[in-house]
Amino acid sequence: MEQTTPCIDAAAVQAAGELYQQAAQALLLAYQRNKQATRHHSDGAFKAALHHARLSCEHVAQAHAQLDRALEVSARLSSQAATSVSASQSRSSRSASA
């Protein structure tokens, strides 16, 4: 019996992985900026705290945008995988009945 693997676009898989990685990096930067803002705030340097808080928000927005794109790519890949799996199952059931 022949085993078939789903036809998934390797470039799309790699692109989704890169988007998730970039989002993780942006979230890490946001966390670091937020820590800096907290330190500045506790030291009474409110202008510096505001600056770092704004940068943290920008990093979070970048991560959100990257995750949105990654989810779109992942949803497309998921539907491709489901389509190819159902097609291979129907082929195997036809060959088994013949």
Protein backbone atom coordinates (compact mmCIF):
# COMPACT_ATOMS: atom_id res chain seq x y z
CA MET A 1 0.00 0.00 0.00
CA GLU A 2 1.35 3.36 -1.01
CA GLN A 3 1.54 6.08 1.63
CA THR A 4 0.91 9.61 0.38
CA THR A 5 1.99 12.79 2.08
CA PRO A 6 0.01 16.00 1.88
CA CYS A 7 1.18 18.47 -0.76
CA ILE A 8 2.09 21.51 1.28
CA ASP A 9 3.97 24.47 -0.09
CA ALA A 10 7.37 24.36 1.63
CA ALA A 11 7.95 28.08 1.05
CA ALA A 12 4.68 28.91 2.81
CA VAL A 13 5.61 26.68 5.75
CA GLN A 14 8.96 28.44 6.03
CA ALA A 15 7.31 31.87 5.72
CA ALA A 16 4.87 31.07 8.52
CA GLY A 17 7.72 29.86 10.71
CA GLU A 18 9.66 33.04 10.09
CA LEU A 19 6.61 35.17 10.92
CA TYR A 20 6.14 33.33 14.21
CA GLN A 21 9.84 33.79 14.97
CA GLN A 22 9.71 37.52 14.18
CA ALA A 23 6.63 37.92 16.37
CA ALA A 24 8.40 36.16 19.23
CA GLN A 25 11.38 38.48 18.81
CA ALA A 26 9.12 41.56 18.79
CA LEU A 27 7.37 40.35 21.95
CA LEU A 28 10.72 39.84 23.64
CA LEU A 29 11.73 43.40 22.74
CA ALA A 30 8.39 44.68 24.05
CA TYR A 31 8.98 42.86 27.32
CA GLN A 32 12.48 44.30 27.64
CA ARG A 33 11.26 47.84 26.90
CA ASN A 34 8.49 47.41 29.45
CA LYS A 35 11.05 46.36 32.07
CA GLN A 36 13.08 49.49 31.26
CA ALA A 37 9.96 51.64 31.54
CA THR A 38 9.19 50.11 34.93
CA ARG A 39 12.73 50.80 36.18
CA HIS A 40 12.64 54.40 34.96
CA HIS A 41 9.21 54.92 36.51
CA SER A 42 10.34 53.61 39.90
CA ASP A 43 13.39 55.92 39.69
CA GLY A 44 11.15 58.91 38.99
CA ALA A 45 12.34 59.37 35.38
CA PHE A 46 8.86 59.66 33.96
CA LYS A 47 9.84 61.00 30.53
CA ALA A 48 12.19 58.07 30.00
CA ALA A 49 9.52 55.67 31.28
CA LEU A 50 7.00 57.08 28.81
CA HIS A 51 9.51 56.76 25.97
CA HIS A 52 10.17 53.08 26.74
CA ALA A 53 6.47 52.38 27.24
CA ARG A 54 5.74 53.80 23.78
CA LEU A 55 8.50 51.68 22.26
CA SER A 56 7.06 48.65 24.00
CA CYS A 57 3.66 49.39 22.47
CA GLU A 58 5.22 49.67 19.01
CA HIS A 59 6.89 46.27 19.41
CA VAL A 60 3.61 44.74 20.55
CA ALA A 61 1.84 46.20 17.50
CA GLN A 62 4.54 44.74 15.22
CA ALA A 63 4.16 41.34 16.86
CA HIS A 64 0.38 41.52 16.44
CA ALA A 65 0.70 42.27 12.74
CA GLN A 66 3.18 39.43 12.24
CA LEU A 67 0.95 36.99 14.11
CA ASP A 68 -2.03 38.03 11.98
CA ARG A 69 -0.03 37.27 8.82
CA ALA A 70 1.26 33.99 10.29
CA LEU A 71 -2.29 32.93 11.14
CA GLU A 72 -3.43 33.66 7.59
CA VAL A 73 -0.61 31.54 6.16
CA SER A 74 -1.24 28.77 8.70
CA ALA A 75 -4.95 28.71 7.93
CA ARG A 76 -4.17 28.43 4.22
CA LEU A 77 -1.71 25.60 4.91
CA SER A 78 -4.23 23.85 7.13
CA SER A 79 -6.90 23.94 4.44
CA GLN A 80 -4.38 22.68 1.86
CA ALA A 81 -3.42 19.81 4.15
CA ALA A 82 -7.04 18.91 4.82
CA THR A 83 -7.82 18.98 1.10
CA SER A 84 -4.87 16.80 0.17
CA VAL A 85 -5.56 14.32 3.00
CA SER A 86 -9.21 13.94 2.01
CA ALA A 87 -8.21 13.53 -1.65
CA SER A 88 -5.66 10.85 -0.77
CA GLN A 89 -8.22 9.05 1.41
CA SER A 90 -10.78 9.00 -1.38
CA ARG A 91 -8.13 7.66 -3.79
CA SER A 92 -7.14 4.91 -1.38
CA SER A 93 -10.77 3.91 -0.74
CA ARG A 94 -11.39 3.72 -4.52
CA SER A 95 -8.31 1.55 -5.05
CA ALA A 96 -9.29 -0.73 -2.16
CA SER A 97 -12.77 -1.31 -3.63
CA ALA A 98 -11.35 -2.12 -7.09
